[in-house]
């Protein structure tokens, strides 16, 4: 008769969750690198710091961690997390672009251009597109009623 060691199961789940989230972070960072190079190829100034890896990689990681925190909070506390997240994820994605739009309007960072800011905004979409499926793999949400 096979037995399940209940003490090991949470560790295995935690390890799997960490691997999935780390994988999502690597994929999102790699895709954001391609977005940054594409923005430069389309005319963004190569000196525009937000499109450089030392700037966008930490923000990519922060976005994934903050998003996962929100996802798990909703999954844990909502009676219908799927419905809440279906509205919340796009709303947060749009709201996350407000600083980019303010940057475009004020140009407080040297070498700001429309192409550069569109590249930054696309990076937000990339992070969401990679992170949401990872969150669903690590903390699936289902309607509970």
N, C-alpha and C. Protein backbone atom coordinates (compact mmCIF):
# COMPACT_ATOMS: atom_id res chain seq x y z
N UNK A 1 0.84 -1.18 0.00
CA UNK A 1 0.00 0.00 0.00
C UNK A 1 0.89 1.24 0.00
N UNK A 2 0.64 2.14 -0.93
CA UNK A 2 1.44 3.36 -1.04
C UNK A 2 0.99 4.34 0.04
N UNK A 3 1.96 5.06 0.58
CA UNK A 3 1.63 6.06 1.57
C UNK A 3 2.15 7.42 1.10
N UNK A 4 1.49 8.45 1.57
CA UNK A 4 1.87 9.82 1.24
C UNK A 4 2.41 10.48 2.49
N UNK A 5 3.61 11.01 2.38
CA UNK A 5 4.21 11.71 3.51
C UNK A 5 3.69 13.15 3.49
N UNK A 6 2.73 13.45 4.35
CA UNK A 6 2.10 14.76 4.37
C UNK A 6 3.08 15.86 4.77
N UNK A 7 4.15 15.52 5.45
CA UNK A 7 5.14 16.52 5.82
C UNK A 7 5.92 17.00 4.59
N UNK A 8 6.13 16.15 3.60
CA UNK A 8 6.91 16.51 2.42
C UNK A 8 6.07 17.24 1.37
N UNK A 9 4.77 17.02 1.36
CA UNK A 9 3.92 17.60 0.34
C UNK A 9 3.98 19.13 0.32
N UNK A 10 3.85 19.85 1.45
CA UNK A 10 3.95 21.31 1.39
C UNK A 10 5.30 21.79 0.87
N UNK A 11 6.36 21.09 1.19
CA UNK A 11 7.69 21.48 0.69
C UNK A 11 7.74 21.33 -0.82
N UNK A 12 7.21 20.22 -1.33
CA UNK A 12 7.21 20.00 -2.77
C UNK A 12 6.36 21.06 -3.47
N UNK A 13 5.20 21.38 -2.90
CA UNK A 13 4.35 22.41 -3.49
C UNK A 13 5.03 23.77 -3.45
N UNK A 14 5.69 24.08 -2.36
CA UNK A 14 6.41 25.35 -2.25
C UNK A 14 7.55 25.44 -3.26
N UNK A 15 8.25 24.34 -3.44
CA UNK A 15 9.35 24.31 -4.42
C UNK A 15 8.81 24.48 -5.84
N UNK A 16 7.71 23.80 -6.13
CA UNK A 16 7.10 23.91 -7.46
C UNK A 16 6.65 25.35 -7.71
N UNK A 17 6.02 25.95 -6.72
CA UNK A 17 5.55 27.34 -6.84
C UNK A 17 6.74 28.26 -7.12
N UNK A 18 7.80 28.08 -6.36
CA UNK A 18 8.99 28.92 -6.54
C UNK A 18 9.58 28.74 -7.95
N UNK A 19 9.67 27.50 -8.41
CA UNK A 19 10.22 27.25 -9.74
C UNK A 19 9.37 27.87 -10.84
N UNK A 20 8.05 27.75 -10.70
CA UNK A 20 7.16 28.34 -11.70
C UNK A 20 7.31 29.86 -11.71
N UNK A 21 7.34 30.48 -10.54
CA UNK A 21 7.47 31.93 -10.48
C UNK A 21 8.85 32.40 -10.96
N UNK A 22 9.89 31.66 -10.63
CA UNK A 22 11.22 32.01 -11.14
C UNK A 22 11.28 31.86 -12.66
N UNK A 23 10.65 30.80 -13.15
CA UNK A 23 10.59 30.62 -14.61
C UNK A 23 9.86 31.77 -15.28
N UNK A 24 8.75 32.19 -14.68
CA UNK A 24 8.00 33.32 -15.22
C UNK A 24 8.85 34.59 -15.21
N UNK A 25 9.61 34.77 -14.14
CA UNK A 25 10.46 35.96 -14.04
C UNK A 25 11.53 35.96 -15.13
N UNK A 26 12.14 34.82 -15.36
CA UNK A 26 13.18 34.72 -16.40
C UNK A 26 12.58 34.97 -17.78
N UNK A 27 11.43 34.34 -18.04
CA UNK A 27 10.78 34.53 -19.35
C UNK A 27 10.36 35.98 -19.54
N UNK A 28 9.75 36.58 -18.53
CA UNK A 28 9.31 37.97 -18.65
C UNK A 28 10.50 38.90 -18.84
N UNK A 29 11.58 38.67 -18.11
CA UNK A 29 12.77 39.52 -18.26
C UNK A 29 13.37 39.37 -19.66
N UNK A 30 13.42 38.14 -20.16
CA UNK A 30 13.96 37.91 -21.51
C UNK A 30 13.08 38.59 -22.57
N UNK A 31 11.77 38.45 -22.44
CA UNK A 31 10.86 39.09 -23.40
C UNK A 31 10.94 40.61 -23.29
N UNK A 32 11.08 41.12 -22.07
CA UNK A 32 11.22 42.57 -21.91
C UNK A 32 12.53 43.08 -22.50
N UNK A 33 13.56 42.25 -22.46
CA UNK A 33 14.81 42.61 -23.13
C UNK A 33 14.56 42.78 -24.64
N UNK A 34 13.81 41.84 -25.20
CA UNK A 34 13.48 41.93 -26.63
C UNK A 34 12.64 43.17 -26.93
N UNK A 35 11.71 43.48 -26.04
CA UNK A 35 10.90 44.69 -26.20
C UNK A 35 11.80 45.92 -26.17
N UNK A 36 12.73 45.95 -25.23
CA UNK A 36 13.62 47.13 -25.13
C UNK A 36 14.47 47.28 -26.39
N UNK A 37 14.98 46.17 -26.91
CA UNK A 37 15.78 46.24 -28.14
C UNK A 37 14.90 46.65 -29.32
N UNK A 38 13.67 46.15 -29.33
CA UNK A 38 12.75 46.54 -30.40
C UNK A 38 12.42 48.03 -30.35
N UNK A 39 12.22 48.55 -29.15
CA UNK A 39 11.93 49.98 -29.01
C UNK A 39 13.11 50.82 -29.50
N UNK A 40 14.31 50.39 -29.16
CA UNK A 40 15.51 51.11 -29.63
C UNK A 40 15.61 51.01 -31.16
N UNK A 41 15.34 49.83 -31.70
CA UNK A 41 15.38 49.65 -33.15
C UNK A 41 14.36 50.54 -33.85
N UNK A 42 13.25 50.81 -33.17
CA UNK A 42 12.20 51.65 -33.76
C UNK A 42 12.40 53.14 -33.49
N UNK A 43 13.49 53.49 -32.80
CA UNK A 43 13.80 54.90 -32.64
C UNK A 43 13.95 55.42 -31.23
N UNK A 44 13.68 54.60 -30.23
CA UNK A 44 13.91 55.05 -28.85
C UNK A 44 15.41 55.25 -28.65
N UNK A 45 15.75 56.26 -27.88
CA UNK A 45 17.17 56.53 -27.63
C UNK A 45 17.78 55.41 -26.80
N UNK A 46 18.93 54.86 -27.23
CA UNK A 46 19.58 53.79 -26.46
C UNK A 46 20.01 54.25 -25.06
N UNK A 47 20.11 55.56 -24.85
CA UNK A 47 20.49 56.09 -23.56
C UNK A 47 19.32 56.26 -22.59
N UNK A 48 18.12 55.92 -23.04
CA UNK A 48 16.93 56.03 -22.18
C UNK A 48 17.00 54.92 -21.14
N UNK A 49 17.36 55.29 -19.92
CA UNK A 49 17.67 54.32 -18.86
C UNK A 49 16.56 53.32 -18.55
N UNK A 50 15.29 53.69 -18.53
CA UNK A 50 14.27 52.69 -18.21
C UNK A 50 14.23 51.51 -19.19
N UNK A 51 14.81 51.66 -20.37
CA UNK A 51 14.85 50.55 -21.32
C UNK A 51 16.14 49.74 -21.20
N UNK A 52 16.91 49.97 -20.16
CA UNK A 52 18.13 49.18 -19.95
C UNK A 52 17.87 48.09 -18.91
N UNK A 53 18.55 46.97 -19.10
CA UNK A 53 18.32 45.80 -18.24
C UNK A 53 18.47 46.11 -16.74
N UNK A 54 19.49 46.88 -16.32
CA UNK A 54 19.60 47.14 -14.87
C UNK A 54 18.39 47.87 -14.28
N UNK A 55 17.60 48.52 -15.12
CA UNK A 55 16.41 49.21 -14.63
C UNK A 55 15.16 48.33 -14.79
N UNK A 56 14.95 47.76 -16.00
CA UNK A 56 13.68 47.06 -16.20
C UNK A 56 13.63 45.67 -15.57
N UNK A 57 14.76 45.01 -15.38
CA UNK A 57 14.70 43.68 -14.76
C UNK A 57 14.21 43.74 -13.31
N UNK A 58 14.74 44.63 -12.46
CA UNK A 58 14.17 44.71 -11.11
C UNK A 58 12.68 45.07 -11.11
N UNK A 59 12.26 45.96 -12.01
CA UNK A 59 10.85 46.31 -12.07
C UNK A 59 10.01 45.13 -12.56
N UNK A 60 10.55 44.32 -13.44
CA UNK A 60 9.86 43.10 -13.89
C UNK A 60 9.65 42.17 -12.70
N UNK A 61 10.70 41.97 -11.91
CA UNK A 61 10.61 41.09 -10.75
C UNK A 61 9.62 41.65 -9.71
N UNK A 62 9.69 42.93 -9.48
CA UNK A 62 8.77 43.56 -8.52
C UNK A 62 7.33 43.38 -9.00
N UNK A 63 7.09 43.57 -10.28
CA UNK A 63 5.74 43.40 -10.82
C UNK A 63 5.22 41.99 -10.63
N UNK A 64 6.08 41.00 -10.83
CA UNK A 64 5.66 39.61 -10.66
C UNK A 64 5.36 39.32 -9.19
N UNK A 65 6.19 39.80 -8.28
CA UNK A 65 5.98 39.54 -6.86
C UNK A 65 4.73 40.26 -6.35
N UNK A 66 4.58 41.53 -6.71
CA UNK A 66 3.40 42.29 -6.26
C UNK A 66 2.13 41.68 -6.85
N UNK A 67 2.19 41.30 -8.12
CA UNK A 67 1.04 40.66 -8.75
C UNK A 67 0.67 39.36 -8.07
N UNK A 68 1.67 38.56 -7.73
CA UNK A 68 1.39 37.29 -7.05
C UNK A 68 0.79 37.52 -5.67
N UNK A 69 1.27 38.53 -4.99
CA UNK A 69 0.70 38.87 -3.68
C UNK A 69 -0.78 39.23 -3.82
N UNK A 70 -1.09 40.05 -4.79
CA UNK A 70 -2.49 40.40 -5.03
C UNK A 70 -3.32 39.20 -5.44
N UNK A 71 -2.78 38.38 -6.32
CA UNK A 71 -3.48 37.19 -6.79
C UNK A 71 -3.83 36.26 -5.63
N UNK A 72 -2.83 35.99 -4.79
CA UNK A 72 -3.08 35.06 -3.68
C UNK A 72 -4.04 35.67 -2.65
N UNK A 73 -3.96 36.97 -2.46
CA UNK A 73 -4.88 37.63 -1.53
C UNK A 73 -6.32 37.49 -2.02
N UNK A 74 -6.54 37.76 -3.29
CA UNK A 74 -7.89 37.63 -3.85
C UNK A 74 -8.33 36.17 -3.82
N UNK A 75 -7.43 35.26 -4.19
CA UNK A 75 -7.78 33.83 -4.21
C UNK A 75 -8.18 33.35 -2.82
N UNK A 76 -7.54 33.88 -1.82
CA UNK A 76 -7.79 33.44 -0.44
C UNK A 76 -9.06 34.08 0.14
N UNK A 77 -9.33 35.32 -0.19
CA UNK A 77 -10.37 36.07 0.52
C UNK A 77 -11.68 36.24 -0.24
N UNK A 78 -11.67 36.05 -1.54
CA UNK A 78 -12.88 36.31 -2.32
C UNK A 78 -13.74 35.06 -2.42
N UNK A 79 -15.05 35.28 -2.39
CA UNK A 79 -15.98 34.17 -2.59
C UNK A 79 -15.97 33.72 -4.04
N UNK A 80 -15.64 34.62 -4.95
CA UNK A 80 -15.58 34.30 -6.38
C UNK A 80 -14.31 34.92 -6.98
N UNK A 81 -13.14 34.34 -6.66
CA UNK A 81 -11.89 34.95 -7.09
C UNK A 81 -11.74 35.05 -8.61
N UNK A 82 -12.27 34.08 -9.34
CA UNK A 82 -12.15 34.13 -10.81
C UNK A 82 -12.82 35.39 -11.36
N UNK A 83 -14.00 35.68 -10.89
CA UNK A 83 -14.73 36.87 -11.34
C UNK A 83 -14.01 38.15 -10.94
N UNK A 84 -13.51 38.19 -9.71
CA UNK A 84 -12.79 39.37 -9.24
C UNK A 84 -11.53 39.59 -10.06
N UNK A 85 -10.76 38.53 -10.27
CA UNK A 85 -9.50 38.66 -11.01
C UNK A 85 -9.74 38.97 -12.48
N UNK A 86 -10.84 38.50 -13.03
CA UNK A 86 -11.16 38.80 -14.43
C UNK A 86 -11.32 40.30 -14.64
N UNK A 87 -11.77 41.01 -13.62
CA UNK A 87 -11.91 42.47 -13.70
C UNK A 87 -10.68 43.18 -13.16
N UNK A 88 -10.09 42.63 -12.10
CA UNK A 88 -8.99 43.31 -11.42
C UNK A 88 -7.70 43.31 -12.24
N UNK A 89 -7.36 42.21 -12.87
CA UNK A 89 -6.09 42.13 -13.61
C UNK A 89 -6.03 43.18 -14.72
N UNK A 90 -7.04 43.28 -15.60
CA UNK A 90 -6.96 44.34 -16.63
C UNK A 90 -6.95 45.74 -16.03
N UNK A 91 -7.71 45.94 -14.96
CA UNK A 91 -7.75 47.27 -14.34
C UNK A 91 -6.39 47.66 -13.79
N UNK A 92 -5.74 46.73 -13.10
CA UNK A 92 -4.41 47.01 -12.55
C UNK A 92 -3.39 47.22 -13.67
N UNK A 93 -3.52 46.44 -14.74
CA UNK A 93 -2.61 46.61 -15.88
C UNK A 93 -2.73 48.03 -16.45
N UNK A 94 -3.95 48.50 -16.64
CA UNK A 94 -4.15 49.85 -17.17
C UNK A 94 -3.62 50.89 -16.19
N UNK A 95 -3.93 50.72 -14.90
CA UNK A 95 -3.45 51.67 -13.88
C UNK A 95 -1.92 51.68 -13.81
N UNK A 96 -1.28 50.54 -14.05
CA UNK A 96 0.19 50.48 -13.98
C UNK A 96 0.85 51.32 -15.06
N UNK A 97 0.09 51.69 -16.07
CA UNK A 97 0.65 52.49 -17.16
C UNK A 97 0.58 53.98 -16.90
N UNK A 98 -0.11 54.39 -15.86
CA UNK A 98 -0.23 55.82 -15.56
C UNK A 98 1.15 56.47 -15.37
N UNK A 99 2.08 55.87 -14.62
CA UNK A 99 3.41 56.52 -14.52
C UNK A 99 4.09 56.67 -15.87
N UNK A 100 3.90 55.72 -16.78
CA UNK A 100 4.50 55.83 -18.11
C UNK A 100 3.90 57.02 -18.87
N UNK A 101 2.58 57.16 -18.76
CA UNK A 101 1.92 58.29 -19.43
C UNK A 101 2.35 59.63 -18.83
N UNK A 102 2.51 59.65 -17.51
CA UNK A 102 3.01 60.87 -16.86
C UNK A 102 4.44 61.17 -17.32
N UNK A 103 5.23 60.13 -17.46
CA UNK A 103 6.59 60.31 -17.97
C UNK A 103 6.56 60.91 -19.37
N UNK A 104 5.69 60.40 -20.20
CA UNK A 104 5.58 60.93 -21.57
C UNK A 104 5.15 62.39 -21.55
N UNK A 105 4.24 62.73 -20.65
CA UNK A 105 3.75 64.11 -20.58
C UNK A 105 4.79 65.07 -20.02
N UNK A 106 5.57 64.61 -19.04
CA UNK A 106 6.50 65.51 -18.36
C UNK A 106 7.93 65.40 -18.86
N UNK A 107 8.28 64.25 -19.40
CA UNK A 107 9.65 63.99 -19.91
C UNK A 107 10.72 64.28 -18.86
N UNK A 108 10.45 63.86 -17.61
CA UNK A 108 11.38 64.12 -16.52
C UNK A 108 12.65 63.26 -16.62
N UNK A 109 12.60 62.21 -17.41
CA UNK A 109 13.80 61.39 -17.63
C UNK A 109 14.36 61.77 -18.99
N UNK A 110 15.67 62.05 -19.05
CA UNK A 110 16.27 62.42 -20.33
C UNK A 110 16.03 61.35 -21.41
N UNK A 111 15.88 61.82 -22.64
CA UNK A 111 15.71 60.97 -23.82
C UNK A 111 14.34 60.29 -23.89
N UNK A 112 13.36 60.79 -23.12
CA UNK A 112 12.00 60.24 -23.19
C UNK A 112 11.40 60.54 -24.56
N UNK A 113 10.79 59.54 -25.15
CA UNK A 113 10.10 59.71 -26.43
C UNK A 113 8.86 58.83 -26.42
N UNK A 114 7.99 59.06 -27.38
CA UNK A 114 6.79 58.24 -27.49
C UNK A 114 7.15 56.77 -27.70
N UNK A 115 8.12 56.51 -28.54
CA UNK A 115 8.54 55.13 -28.80
C UNK A 115 9.06 54.47 -27.53
N UNK A 116 9.86 55.19 -26.77
CA UNK A 116 10.42 54.64 -25.53
C UNK A 116 9.30 54.32 -24.54
N UNK A 117 8.35 55.23 -24.39
CA UNK A 117 7.27 55.02 -23.44
C UNK A 117 6.35 53.90 -23.90
N UNK A 118 6.09 53.80 -25.19
CA UNK A 118 5.29 52.67 -25.69
C UNK A 118 6.00 51.35 -25.41
N UNK A 119 7.33 51.35 -25.51
CA UNK A 119 8.09 50.16 -25.15
C UNK A 119 7.90 49.80 -23.68
N UNK A 120 7.94 50.81 -22.81
CA UNK A 120 7.71 50.56 -21.38
C UNK A 120 6.31 50.01 -21.14
N UNK A 121 5.34 50.58 -21.81
CA UNK A 121 3.96 50.13 -21.63
C UNK A 121 3.79 48.69 -22.12
N UNK A 122 4.45 48.36 -23.21
CA UNK A 122 4.40 46.98 -23.70
C UNK A 122 5.03 46.02 -22.69
N UNK A 123 6.04 46.48 -21.98
CA UNK A 123 6.66 45.65 -20.95
C UNK A 123 5.65 45.28 -19.86
N UNK A 124 4.76 46.19 -19.52
CA UNK A 124 3.72 45.89 -18.53
C UNK A 124 2.83 44.75 -19.03
N UNK A 125 2.47 44.82 -20.31
CA UNK A 125 1.63 43.78 -20.91
C UNK A 125 2.37 42.44 -20.91
N UNK A 126 3.65 42.47 -21.22
CA UNK A 126 4.46 41.24 -21.23
C UNK A 126 4.45 40.60 -19.84
N UNK A 127 4.71 41.41 -18.82
CA UNK A 127 4.74 40.86 -17.46
C UNK A 127 3.40 40.23 -17.11
N UNK A 128 2.32 40.91 -17.41
CA UNK A 128 0.99 40.35 -17.11
C UNK A 128 0.74 39.08 -17.91
N UNK A 129 1.10 39.09 -19.19
CA UNK A 129 0.85 37.93 -20.05
C UNK A 129 1.64 36.70 -19.60
N UNK A 130 2.81 36.91 -19.02
CA UNK A 130 3.61 35.79 -18.54
C UNK A 130 3.22 35.42 -17.11
N UNK A 131 2.97 36.41 -16.28
CA UNK A 131 2.74 36.16 -14.86
C UNK A 131 1.38 35.52 -14.58
N UNK A 132 0.33 35.98 -15.24
CA UNK A 132 -1.01 35.46 -14.92
C UNK A 132 -1.10 33.94 -15.13
N UNK A 133 -0.62 33.39 -16.24
CA UNK A 133 -0.65 31.92 -16.34
C UNK A 133 0.20 31.23 -15.27
N UNK A 134 1.30 31.86 -14.88
CA UNK A 134 2.13 31.28 -13.81
C UNK A 134 1.37 31.30 -12.49
N UNK A 135 0.69 32.39 -12.21
CA UNK A 135 -0.11 32.46 -10.99
C UNK A 135 -1.19 31.39 -11.00
N UNK A 136 -1.82 31.21 -12.15
CA UNK A 136 -2.88 30.21 -12.27
C UNK A 136 -2.32 28.80 -12.03
N UNK A 137 -1.09 28.56 -12.47
CA UNK A 137 -0.45 27.25 -12.23
C UNK A 137 -0.13 27.04 -10.75
N UNK A 138 0.26 28.11 -10.08
CA UNK A 138 0.69 27.96 -8.69
C UNK A 138 -0.44 28.13 -7.69
N UNK A 139 -1.45 28.90 -8.05
CA UNK A 139 -2.58 29.15 -7.15
C UNK A 139 -3.84 29.26 -8.00
N UNK A 140 -4.34 28.11 -8.48
CA UNK A 140 -5.53 28.16 -9.34
C UNK A 140 -6.72 28.77 -8.64
N UNK A 141 -7.51 29.51 -9.38
CA UNK A 141 -8.71 30.08 -8.82
C UNK A 141 -9.91 29.45 -9.50
N UNK A 142 -10.86 29.07 -8.68
CA UNK A 142 -12.11 28.49 -9.19
C UNK A 142 -13.26 29.13 -8.46
N UNK A 143 -14.38 29.13 -9.11
CA UNK A 143 -15.59 29.67 -8.47
C UNK A 143 -16.00 28.73 -7.36
N UNK A 144 -16.23 29.27 -6.18
CA UNK A 144 -16.55 28.43 -5.01
C UNK A 144 -17.97 28.65 -4.55
N UNK A 145 -18.92 28.17 -5.31
CA UNK A 145 -20.31 28.27 -4.83
C UNK A 145 -21.18 27.23 -5.45
